[in-house]
Every structure is written in structure tokens, then in C-alpha cells.
C-alpha atoms as a PDB file:
ATOM      1  CA  MET A   1      11.487 -36.570  16.321  1.00  0.00           C
ATOM      2  CA  ILE A   2       9.695 -34.054  14.130  1.00  0.00           C
ATOM      3  CA  ALA A   3      10.852 -30.415  14.036  1.00  0.00           C
ATOM      4  CA  SER A   4       8.700 -27.749  12.535  1.00  0.00           C
ATOM      5  CA  ILE A   5       9.755 -24.166  11.783  1.00  0.00           C
ATOM      6  CA  PHE A   6       7.106 -21.617  11.132  1.00  0.00           C
ATOM      7  CA  THR A   7       7.932 -18.289   9.601  1.00  0.00           C
ATOM      8  CA  PHE A   8       5.477 -15.555   9.391  1.00  0.00           C
ATOM      9  CA  ALA A   9       6.161 -12.556   7.183  1.00  0.00           C
ATOM     10  CA  GLN A  10       3.962  -9.710   6.368  1.00  0.00           C
ATOM     11  CA  VAL A  11       4.144  -8.254   2.814  1.00  0.00           C
ATOM     12  CA  PRO A  12       4.055  -4.471   2.846  1.00  0.00           C
ATOM     13  CA  GLN A  13       0.842  -3.192   1.390  1.00  0.00           C
ATOM     14  CA  GLY A  14       2.096  -0.644  -1.003  1.00  0.00           C
ATOM     15  CA  ILE A  15       3.977   0.333  -4.164  1.00  0.00           C
ATOM     16  CA  SER A  16       6.934   2.806  -3.953  1.00  0.00           C
ATOM     17  CA  TYR A  17       6.478   5.849  -6.180  1.00  0.00           C
ATOM     18  CA  GLN A  18       8.860   8.684  -6.912  1.00  0.00           C
ATOM     19  CA  ALA A  19       8.264  11.695  -9.194  1.00  0.00           C
ATOM     20  CA  ILE A  20       9.133  15.319  -9.795  1.00  0.00           C
ATOM     21  CA  ALA A  21       6.322  17.850  -9.362  1.00  0.00           C
ATOM     22  CA  LEU A  22       6.130  20.364 -12.216  1.00  0.00           C
ATOM     23  CA  ASN A  23       4.061  23.561 -12.487  1.00  0.00           C
ATOM     24  CA  ALA A  24       2.003  24.596 -15.515  1.00  0.00           C
ATOM     25  CA  SER A  25       5.144  25.927 -17.186  1.00  0.00           C
ATOM     26  CA  GLY A  26       6.993  22.686 -16.779  1.00  0.00           C
ATOM     27  CA  ASN A  27       9.306  23.977 -14.112  1.00  0.00           C
ATOM     28  CA  PRO A  28       9.913  21.933 -10.854  1.00  0.00           C
ATOM     29  CA  VAL A  29       7.898  22.894  -7.808  1.00  0.00           C
ATOM     30  CA  VAL A  30      10.871  23.169  -5.373  1.00  0.00           C
ATOM     31  CA  SER A  31      10.849  22.951  -1.589  1.00  0.00           C
ATOM     32  CA  SER A  32       7.031  23.222  -1.413  1.00  0.00           C
ATOM     33  CA  ASN A  33       4.075  21.347   0.028  1.00  0.00           C
ATOM     34  CA  ILE A  34       1.994  19.596  -2.638  1.00  0.00           C
ATOM     35  CA  GLY A  35      -1.119  17.509  -2.703  1.00  0.00           C
ATOM     36  CA  ILE A  36      -1.260  14.321  -4.756  1.00  0.00           C
ATOM     37  CA  ARG A  37      -4.287  12.310  -5.746  1.00  0.00           C
ATOM     38  CA  LEU A  38      -3.633   8.844  -7.158  1.00  0.00           C
ATOM     39  CA  SER A  39      -6.272   6.582  -8.707  1.00  0.00           C
ATOM     40  CA  ILE A  40      -6.204   2.925  -9.887  1.00  0.00           C
ATOM     41  CA  LEU A  41      -8.493   2.464 -12.854  1.00  0.00           C
ATOM     42  CA  ASP A  42     -10.133  -0.663 -14.283  1.00  0.00           C
ATOM     43  CA  ASN A  43      -8.611  -1.773 -17.620  1.00  0.00           C
ATOM     44  CA  ALA A  44      -7.942   1.570 -19.296  1.00  0.00           C
ATOM     45  CA  ALA A  45      -7.248   5.331 -18.687  1.00  0.00           C
ATOM     46  CA  THR A  46     -10.958   5.904 -19.015  1.00  0.00           C
ATOM     47  CA  GLY A  47     -11.909   2.915 -16.945  1.00  0.00           C
ATOM     48  CA  THR A  48     -13.901   2.727 -13.713  1.00  0.00           C
ATOM     49  CA  VAL A  49     -12.076   4.166 -10.661  1.00  0.00           C
ATOM     50  CA  LEU A  50     -11.386   1.128  -8.399  1.00  0.00           C
ATOM     51  CA  TYR A  51      -9.283   3.004  -5.783  1.00  0.00           C
ATOM     52  CA  THR A  52      -8.277   6.602  -4.983  1.00  0.00           C
ATOM     53  CA  GLU A  53      -6.074   8.042  -2.263  1.00  0.00           C
ATOM     54  CA  THR A  54      -4.463  11.353  -1.437  1.00  0.00           C
ATOM     55  CA  HIS A  55      -1.103  12.306   0.001  1.00  0.00           C
ATOM     56  CA  THR A  56       0.445  15.600   1.208  1.00  0.00           C
ATOM     57  CA  LYS A  57       4.202  15.804   0.594  1.00  0.00           C
ATOM     58  CA  THR A  58       7.020  18.272   0.571  1.00  0.00           C
ATOM     59  CA  THR A  59       9.222  18.415  -2.590  1.00  0.00           C
ATOM     60  CA  ASN A  60      13.047  18.759  -2.349  1.00  0.00           C
ATOM     61  CA  ALA A  61      15.255  21.370  -4.008  1.00  0.00           C
ATOM     62  CA  GLN A  62      14.792  19.560  -7.363  1.00  0.00           C
ATOM     63  CA  GLY A  63      10.986  19.139  -7.049  1.00  0.00           C
ATOM     64  CA  LEU A  64      11.347  15.361  -6.198  1.00  0.00           C
ATOM     65  CA  PHE A  65       8.965  13.593  -3.817  1.00  0.00           C
ATOM     66  CA  ASN A  66       8.480  10.029  -2.665  1.00  0.00           C
ATOM     67  CA  LEU A  67       5.458   8.162  -1.404  1.00  0.00           C
ATOM     68  CA  VAL A  68       3.976   4.622  -1.029  1.00  0.00           C
ATOM     69  CA  ILE A  69       0.793   4.011  -2.985  1.00  0.00           C
ATOM     70  CA  GLY A  70      -1.536   2.243  -0.600  1.00  0.00           C
ATOM     71  CA  GLN A  71      -0.440   4.201   2.444  1.00  0.00           C
ATOM     72  CA  GLY A  72      -2.224   7.465   1.716  1.00  0.00           C
ATOM     73  CA  THR A  73      -5.679   8.593   2.826  1.00  0.00           C
ATOM     74  CA  ALA A  74      -8.120   6.391   0.927  1.00  0.00           C
ATOM     75  CA  THR A  75     -11.125   8.241  -0.535  1.00  0.00           C
ATOM     76  CA  THR A  76     -12.572   5.480  -2.820  1.00  0.00           C
ATOM     77  CA  GLY A  77     -12.306   1.734  -2.550  1.00  0.00           C
ATOM     78  CA  THR A  78      -9.734  -0.426  -0.793  1.00  0.00           C
ATOM     79  CA  PHE A  79      -6.091  -0.799  -1.855  1.00  0.00           C
ATOM     80  CA  TYR A  80      -5.436  -4.368  -0.733  1.00  0.00           C
ATOM     81  CA  ASN A  81      -7.176  -7.456  -2.015  1.00  0.00           C
ATOM     82  CA  ASN A  82      -7.927 -10.217   0.490  1.00  0.00           C
END
């Protein structure tokens, strides 16, 4: 008798990211809506843009926000790699 067990799991397509939004004076942007644009570049800070996405988030009382890279609105490229 042969028994087989198959398990299928789906890996989340994303990278958790947390930051504090600061204004031009270096003060936290508290309890406000902010727009974020994230880009993944090829090989260097001046490299070719491989992927870009945008998010709209609300900061907390300390200016903190959380998001998942890969789950925003893609504007350039594709986040996942088949």
C-alpha cells in the first residue's frame, strides 16, 4: 500500500516594509494620508528601474506606516518572477 500526501502552499508575493514619514524639516508626518512610490533598481542606486509601485497609507501618531512591497499599484514592470 502506497500513501501519498500532497501539500500545496502559496508563498506570499511581497516584502513587509515599515517606516516613519518625515517632512522636509525632519519632523514626523503624524496622522496624515501619504503617498509612497517604491522602485526596485538593477544593480545600483542609479541602475535601471525594474519595478515601481505606489501606495496610499495613513501614518499613526508617531508618523509610522506599514505596507507590503509587491501589493501596491504597479506602474512599471512586474514584482514577481515566474
